[in-house]
Amino acid sequence: MKKIIFDLHPLAMFSLSCEAYSLYYKRKYNKEIFVYTRKKDKYIRVDNDRDKQKLRNRVMTLIDLGEVIDEIPFDSEIRVQPIDESYEEDEILQNIVEELGDSVNWKNSNLKIIEVEDCN
């Protein structure tokens, strides 16, 4: 048997919370990430953890672009890369899922650690 991260939500978006992303990037790469949300025609940096939990849209960056900016380029040097199902066996992420419990989830996700038979 092996452990994997599996999304039990019917829509199965595999969406991690901002807190989960922050922990992952800190533990895996020793990097801080910054969270922005779009309001009208601007991106606003969100620093408060409670506010981050309530976000319905977000962009995460590897660098601090300032408190208010007009745009965030689609640049892998700037934007945090998505964490998706391909990370299901990542031990660091598994530890974060176990540690945060339901707080690991963002919209349309219910991530859990499950055991599956190893067919190799």
N, C-alpha and C. Protein backbone atom coordinates (compact mmCIF):
# COMPACT_ATOMS: atom_id res chain seq x y z
N MET A 1 0.84 -1.18 0.00
CA MET A 1 0.00 0.00 0.00
C MET A 1 0.89 1.25 0.00
N LYS A 2 0.39 2.27 -0.68
CA LYS A 2 1.10 3.55 -0.66
C LYS A 2 0.12 4.66 -0.38
N LYS A 3 0.64 5.74 0.20
CA LYS A 3 -0.17 6.89 0.52
C LYS A 3 -0.14 7.88 -0.64
N ILE A 4 -1.32 8.45 -0.94
CA ILE A 4 -1.41 9.52 -1.93
C ILE A 4 -2.39 10.57 -1.41
N ILE A 5 -2.29 11.76 -1.98
CA ILE A 5 -3.26 12.81 -1.72
C ILE A 5 -4.35 12.66 -2.77
N PHE A 6 -5.60 12.63 -2.31
CA PHE A 6 -6.72 12.45 -3.22
C PHE A 6 -7.80 13.47 -2.90
N ASP A 7 -8.41 14.03 -3.93
CA ASP A 7 -9.48 15.00 -3.73
C ASP A 7 -10.82 14.28 -3.75
N LEU A 8 -11.51 14.28 -2.61
CA LEU A 8 -12.79 13.59 -2.45
C LEU A 8 -13.99 14.44 -2.89
N HIS A 9 -13.77 15.70 -3.19
CA HIS A 9 -14.86 16.59 -3.61
C HIS A 9 -15.37 16.13 -4.98
N PRO A 10 -16.69 16.19 -5.22
CA PRO A 10 -17.23 15.76 -6.52
C PRO A 10 -16.63 16.49 -7.72
N LEU A 11 -16.24 17.76 -7.55
CA LEU A 11 -15.61 18.49 -8.66
C LEU A 11 -14.10 18.26 -8.74
N ALA A 12 -13.52 17.79 -7.65
CA ALA A 12 -12.11 17.40 -7.58
C ALA A 12 -11.17 18.38 -8.28
N MET A 13 -11.09 19.59 -7.75
CA MET A 13 -10.25 20.63 -8.34
C MET A 13 -8.78 20.56 -7.86
N PHE A 14 -8.50 19.81 -6.82
CA PHE A 14 -7.16 19.72 -6.22
C PHE A 14 -6.61 21.12 -5.95
N SER A 15 -7.41 21.92 -5.24
CA SER A 15 -7.06 23.31 -4.94
C SER A 15 -6.59 23.46 -3.50
N LEU A 16 -5.38 23.92 -3.36
CA LEU A 16 -4.79 24.12 -2.04
C LEU A 16 -5.06 25.54 -1.54
N SER A 17 -5.20 25.68 -0.24
CA SER A 17 -5.35 27.00 0.38
C SER A 17 -4.05 27.80 0.24
N CYS A 18 -4.16 29.09 0.45
CA CYS A 18 -2.97 29.96 0.43
C CYS A 18 -1.97 29.51 1.50
N GLU A 19 -2.50 29.13 2.66
CA GLU A 19 -1.63 28.66 3.75
C GLU A 19 -0.85 27.42 3.33
N ALA A 20 -1.52 26.49 2.64
CA ALA A 20 -0.85 25.27 2.18
C ALA A 20 0.25 25.61 1.17
N TYR A 21 -0.06 26.48 0.22
CA TYR A 21 0.97 26.90 -0.74
C TYR A 21 2.15 27.55 -0.02
N SER A 22 1.87 28.43 0.92
CA SER A 22 2.94 29.11 1.64
C SER A 22 3.83 28.12 2.38
N LEU A 23 3.21 27.17 3.06
CA LEU A 23 4.00 26.16 3.77
C LEU A 23 4.83 25.32 2.81
N TYR A 24 4.22 24.93 1.70
CA TYR A 24 4.92 24.08 0.74
C TYR A 24 6.14 24.80 0.17
N TYR A 25 5.97 26.03 -0.28
CA TYR A 25 7.08 26.76 -0.87
C TYR A 25 8.16 27.08 0.15
N LYS A 26 7.77 27.29 1.39
CA LYS A 26 8.75 27.54 2.45
C LYS A 26 9.56 26.28 2.74
N ARG A 27 8.88 25.14 2.87
CA ARG A 27 9.57 23.89 3.21
C ARG A 27 10.34 23.30 2.04
N LYS A 28 9.81 23.36 0.85
CA LYS A 28 10.43 22.75 -0.32
C LYS A 28 11.55 23.62 -0.89
N TYR A 29 11.31 24.93 -0.99
CA TYR A 29 12.25 25.82 -1.68
C TYR A 29 12.82 26.92 -0.80
N ASN A 30 12.38 26.97 0.47
CA ASN A 30 12.77 28.03 1.39
C ASN A 30 12.45 29.42 0.80
N LYS A 31 11.25 29.54 0.21
CA LYS A 31 10.82 30.79 -0.40
C LYS A 31 9.49 31.24 0.19
N GLU A 32 9.38 32.55 0.35
CA GLU A 32 8.11 33.14 0.75
C GLU A 32 7.30 33.43 -0.51
N ILE A 33 5.99 33.29 -0.42
CA ILE A 33 5.16 33.66 -1.56
C ILE A 33 4.23 34.79 -1.15
N PHE A 34 3.72 35.51 -2.15
CA PHE A 34 2.87 36.66 -1.94
C PHE A 34 1.55 36.43 -2.66
N VAL A 35 0.46 36.82 -2.03
CA VAL A 35 -0.88 36.55 -2.54
C VAL A 35 -1.54 37.87 -2.96
N TYR A 36 -2.10 37.85 -4.16
CA TYR A 36 -2.82 39.01 -4.69
C TYR A 36 -4.22 38.60 -5.10
N THR A 37 -5.14 39.54 -5.02
CA THR A 37 -6.49 39.33 -5.53
C THR A 37 -6.84 40.50 -6.43
N ARG A 38 -7.67 40.23 -7.40
CA ARG A 38 -8.05 41.28 -8.35
C ARG A 38 -9.32 41.97 -7.87
N LYS A 39 -9.24 43.29 -7.80
CA LYS A 39 -10.39 44.13 -7.46
C LYS A 39 -10.47 45.23 -8.50
N LYS A 40 -11.59 45.21 -9.24
CA LYS A 40 -11.79 46.13 -10.36
C LYS A 40 -10.66 45.93 -11.35
N ASP A 41 -9.84 46.92 -11.56
CA ASP A 41 -8.79 46.81 -12.57
C ASP A 41 -7.38 46.75 -11.96
N LYS A 42 -7.30 46.40 -10.67
CA LYS A 42 -6.01 46.36 -9.96
C LYS A 42 -5.84 45.02 -9.23
N TYR A 43 -4.59 44.70 -8.96
CA TYR A 43 -4.27 43.57 -8.10
C TYR A 43 -3.83 44.14 -6.75
N ILE A 44 -4.43 43.62 -5.69
CA ILE A 44 -4.17 44.07 -4.33
C ILE A 44 -3.49 42.93 -3.57
N ARG A 45 -2.33 43.25 -2.95
CA ARG A 45 -1.66 42.23 -2.14
C ARG A 45 -2.48 41.97 -0.87
N VAL A 46 -2.64 40.70 -0.53
CA VAL A 46 -3.39 40.30 0.66
C VAL A 46 -2.39 39.75 1.67
N ASP A 47 -2.26 40.43 2.79
CA ASP A 47 -1.29 40.04 3.81
C ASP A 47 -1.92 39.32 4.99
N ASN A 48 -3.19 39.59 5.26
CA ASN A 48 -3.87 39.02 6.40
C ASN A 48 -4.30 37.58 6.11
N ASP A 49 -3.92 36.65 6.99
CA ASP A 49 -4.24 35.23 6.78
C ASP A 49 -5.74 34.96 6.71
N ARG A 50 -6.52 35.65 7.53
CA ARG A 50 -7.98 35.46 7.49
C ARG A 50 -8.56 35.92 6.16
N ASP A 51 -8.04 37.03 5.65
CA ASP A 51 -8.51 37.52 4.34
C ASP A 51 -8.14 36.54 3.24
N LYS A 52 -6.98 35.92 3.35
CA LYS A 52 -6.55 34.94 2.34
C LYS A 52 -7.50 33.75 2.30
N GLN A 53 -8.02 33.34 3.46
CA GLN A 53 -8.94 32.20 3.53
C GLN A 53 -10.24 32.48 2.79
N LYS A 54 -10.63 33.73 2.70
CA LYS A 54 -11.92 34.11 2.11
C LYS A 54 -11.84 34.41 0.61
N LEU A 55 -10.65 34.41 0.04
CA LEU A 55 -10.50 34.81 -1.36
C LEU A 55 -11.23 33.86 -2.30
N ARG A 56 -11.84 34.42 -3.33
CA ARG A 56 -12.47 33.63 -4.40
C ARG A 56 -11.62 33.67 -5.66
N ASN A 57 -10.71 34.64 -5.76
CA ASN A 57 -9.75 34.67 -6.86
C ASN A 57 -8.41 35.10 -6.27
N ARG A 58 -7.36 34.59 -6.87
CA ARG A 58 -6.03 34.89 -6.33
C ARG A 58 -4.97 34.64 -7.39
N VAL A 59 -3.85 35.32 -7.21
CA VAL A 59 -2.63 35.07 -7.97
C VAL A 59 -1.52 35.07 -6.93
N MET A 60 -0.67 34.05 -6.96
CA MET A 60 0.43 33.96 -6.02
C MET A 60 1.74 34.18 -6.76
N THR A 61 2.61 34.96 -6.13
CA THR A 61 3.88 35.31 -6.76
C THR A 61 5.06 34.95 -5.87
N LEU A 62 6.21 34.82 -6.51
CA LEU A 62 7.45 34.50 -5.81
C LEU A 62 8.18 35.76 -5.35
N ILE A 63 7.74 36.91 -5.86
CA ILE A 63 8.34 38.18 -5.46
C ILE A 63 7.24 39.14 -5.04
N ASP A 64 7.61 40.06 -4.16
CA ASP A 64 6.66 41.08 -3.72
C ASP A 64 6.62 42.17 -4.79
N LEU A 65 5.47 42.31 -5.42
CA LEU A 65 5.31 43.29 -6.49
C LEU A 65 4.77 44.62 -5.98
N GLY A 66 4.54 44.72 -4.68
CA GLY A 66 3.99 45.95 -4.11
C GLY A 66 2.56 45.72 -3.64
N GLU A 67 2.02 46.73 -2.96
CA GLU A 67 0.67 46.59 -2.39
C GLU A 67 -0.43 46.62 -3.44
N VAL A 68 -0.31 47.49 -4.44
CA VAL A 68 -1.31 47.62 -5.49
C VAL A 68 -0.57 47.72 -6.82
N ILE A 69 -0.96 46.85 -7.78
CA ILE A 69 -0.33 46.87 -9.09
C ILE A 69 -1.37 46.70 -10.19
N ASP A 70 -1.00 47.09 -11.39
CA ASP A 70 -1.93 47.02 -12.52
C ASP A 70 -2.04 45.63 -13.11
N GLU A 71 -0.93 44.90 -13.17
CA GLU A 71 -0.97 43.56 -13.76
C GLU A 71 0.13 42.69 -13.19
N ILE A 72 -0.06 41.40 -13.34
CA ILE A 72 0.94 40.42 -12.93
C ILE A 72 1.27 39.59 -14.17
N PRO A 73 2.48 39.71 -14.68
CA PRO A 73 2.85 39.00 -15.91
C PRO A 73 2.76 37.49 -15.76
N PHE A 74 2.44 36.82 -16.87
CA PHE A 74 2.47 35.36 -16.91
C PHE A 74 3.92 34.94 -17.14
N ASP A 75 4.66 34.91 -16.06
CA ASP A 75 6.10 34.67 -16.11
C ASP A 75 6.44 33.68 -15.00
N SER A 76 7.08 32.57 -15.36
CA SER A 76 7.41 31.53 -14.37
C SER A 76 8.42 32.01 -13.33
N GLU A 77 9.10 33.12 -13.60
CA GLU A 77 10.02 33.69 -12.62
C GLU A 77 9.26 34.50 -11.57
N ILE A 78 8.00 34.84 -11.89
CA ILE A 78 7.20 35.68 -11.00
C ILE A 78 6.07 34.89 -10.35
N ARG A 79 5.30 34.16 -11.14
CA ARG A 79 4.12 33.46 -10.61
C ARG A 79 4.47 32.10 -10.00
N VAL A 80 3.78 31.78 -8.94
CA VAL A 80 3.90 30.47 -8.30
C VAL A 80 3.28 29.44 -9.24
N GLN A 81 3.98 28.36 -9.46
CA GLN A 81 3.46 27.30 -10.33
C GLN A 81 2.38 26.50 -9.59
N PRO A 82 1.34 26.10 -10.30
CA PRO A 82 0.25 25.35 -9.66
C PRO A 82 0.73 24.02 -9.08
N ILE A 83 0.14 23.67 -7.96
CA ILE A 83 0.35 22.36 -7.37
C ILE A 83 -0.90 21.56 -7.71
N ASP A 84 -0.72 20.45 -8.41
CA ASP A 84 -1.87 19.67 -8.89
C ASP A 84 -1.71 18.19 -8.53
N GLU A 85 -2.51 17.35 -9.18
CA GLU A 85 -2.52 15.92 -8.88
C GLU A 85 -1.15 15.25 -9.06
N SER A 86 -0.30 15.84 -9.86
CA SER A 86 1.02 15.24 -10.07
C SER A 86 1.86 15.24 -8.78
N TYR A 87 1.42 15.98 -7.78
CA TYR A 87 2.12 16.04 -6.49
C TYR A 87 1.54 15.07 -5.47
N GLU A 88 0.66 14.19 -5.90
CA GLU A 88 -0.07 13.34 -4.95
C GLU A 88 0.82 12.48 -4.05
N GLU A 89 2.04 12.19 -4.49
CA GLU A 89 2.95 11.37 -3.68
C GLU A 89 4.04 12.20 -3.01
N ASP A 90 4.02 13.48 -3.17
CA ASP A 90 5.03 14.37 -2.59
C ASP A 90 4.93 14.33 -1.06
N GLU A 91 6.00 13.91 -0.40
CA GLU A 91 5.97 13.73 1.06
C GLU A 91 5.79 15.04 1.81
N ILE A 92 6.40 16.10 1.31
CA ILE A 92 6.24 17.40 1.96
C ILE A 92 4.77 17.82 1.91
N LEU A 93 4.16 17.68 0.75
CA LEU A 93 2.76 18.06 0.61
C LEU A 93 1.86 17.13 1.43
N GLN A 94 2.17 15.86 1.47
CA GLN A 94 1.38 14.94 2.30
C GLN A 94 1.42 15.36 3.77
N ASN A 95 2.59 15.75 4.25
CA ASN A 95 2.71 16.22 5.64
C ASN A 95 1.86 17.46 5.88
N ILE A 96 1.84 18.37 4.91
CA ILE A 96 1.05 19.59 5.04
C ILE A 96 -0.45 19.26 5.05
N VAL A 97 -0.87 18.34 4.20
CA VAL A 97 -2.28 17.93 4.18
C VAL A 97 -2.68 17.35 5.54
N GLU A 98 -1.84 16.51 6.10
CA GLU A 98 -2.13 15.92 7.41
C GLU A 98 -2.13 16.99 8.51
N GLU A 99 -1.17 17.90 8.44
CA GLU A 99 -1.02 18.94 9.46
C GLU A 99 -2.19 19.93 9.45
N LEU A 100 -2.61 20.37 8.27
CA LEU A 100 -3.65 21.40 8.18
C LEU A 100 -5.07 20.86 8.23
N GLY A 101 -5.25 19.58 7.94
CA GLY A 101 -6.61 19.03 7.91
C GLY A 101 -7.46 19.76 6.88
N ASP A 102 -8.67 20.15 7.25
CA ASP A 102 -9.57 20.82 6.30
C ASP A 102 -9.06 22.19 5.86
N SER A 103 -8.16 22.80 6.62
CA SER A 103 -7.62 24.11 6.24
C SER A 103 -6.70 24.04 5.02
N VAL A 104 -6.36 22.85 4.57
CA VAL A 104 -5.52 22.69 3.39
C VAL A 104 -6.29 23.00 2.10
N ASN A 105 -7.62 22.95 2.19
CA ASN A 105 -8.47 23.05 1.00
C ASN A 105 -8.82 24.48 0.63
N TRP A 106 -8.92 24.70 -0.68
CA TRP A 106 -9.49 25.92 -1.22
C TRP A 106 -10.78 25.53 -1.91
N LYS A 107 -11.38 26.39 -2.66
CA LYS A 107 -12.71 26.12 -3.23
C LYS A 107 -12.74 24.83 -4.04
N ASN A 108 -13.85 24.12 -3.89
CA ASN A 108 -14.13 22.87 -4.62
C ASN A 108 -13.08 21.79 -4.41
N SER A 109 -12.53 21.71 -3.21
CA SER A 109 -11.58 20.64 -2.89
C SER A 109 -11.86 20.06 -1.52
N ASN A 110 -11.52 18.79 -1.39
CA ASN A 110 -11.59 18.08 -0.12
C ASN A 110 -10.43 17.08 -0.12
N LEU A 111 -9.23 17.62 0.07
CA LEU A 111 -8.02 16.80 -0.03
C LEU A 111 -7.81 15.97 1.23
N LYS A 112 -7.51 14.70 0.99
CA LYS A 112 -7.27 13.75 2.08
C LYS A 112 -6.12 12.84 1.67
N ILE A 113 -5.48 12.25 2.67
CA ILE A 113 -4.47 11.22 2.43
C ILE A 113 -5.21 9.88 2.45
N ILE A 114 -5.05 9.12 1.40
CA ILE A 114 -5.65 7.78 1.35
C ILE A 114 -4.57 6.77 1.01
N GLU A 115 -4.85 5.52 1.29
CA GLU A 115 -3.93 4.45 0.94
C GLU A 115 -4.51 3.68 -0.23
N VAL A 116 -3.65 3.42 -1.21
CA VAL A 116 -4.05 2.64 -2.39
C VAL A 116 -3.05 1.52 -2.58
N GLU A 117 -3.50 0.51 -3.26
CA GLU A 117 -2.63 -0.62 -3.53
C GLU A 117 -1.58 -0.20 -4.56
N ASP A 118 -0.36 -0.54 -4.29
CA ASP A 118 0.73 -0.23 -5.20
C ASP A 118 0.81 -1.33 -6.24
N CYS A 119 0.55 -1.00 -7.49
CA CYS A 119 0.49 -1.99 -8.56
C CYS A 119 1.84 -2.24 -9.24
N ASN A 120 2.89 -1.61 -8.75
CA ASN A 120 4.22 -1.78 -9.38
C ASN A 120 4.88 -3.05 -8.94
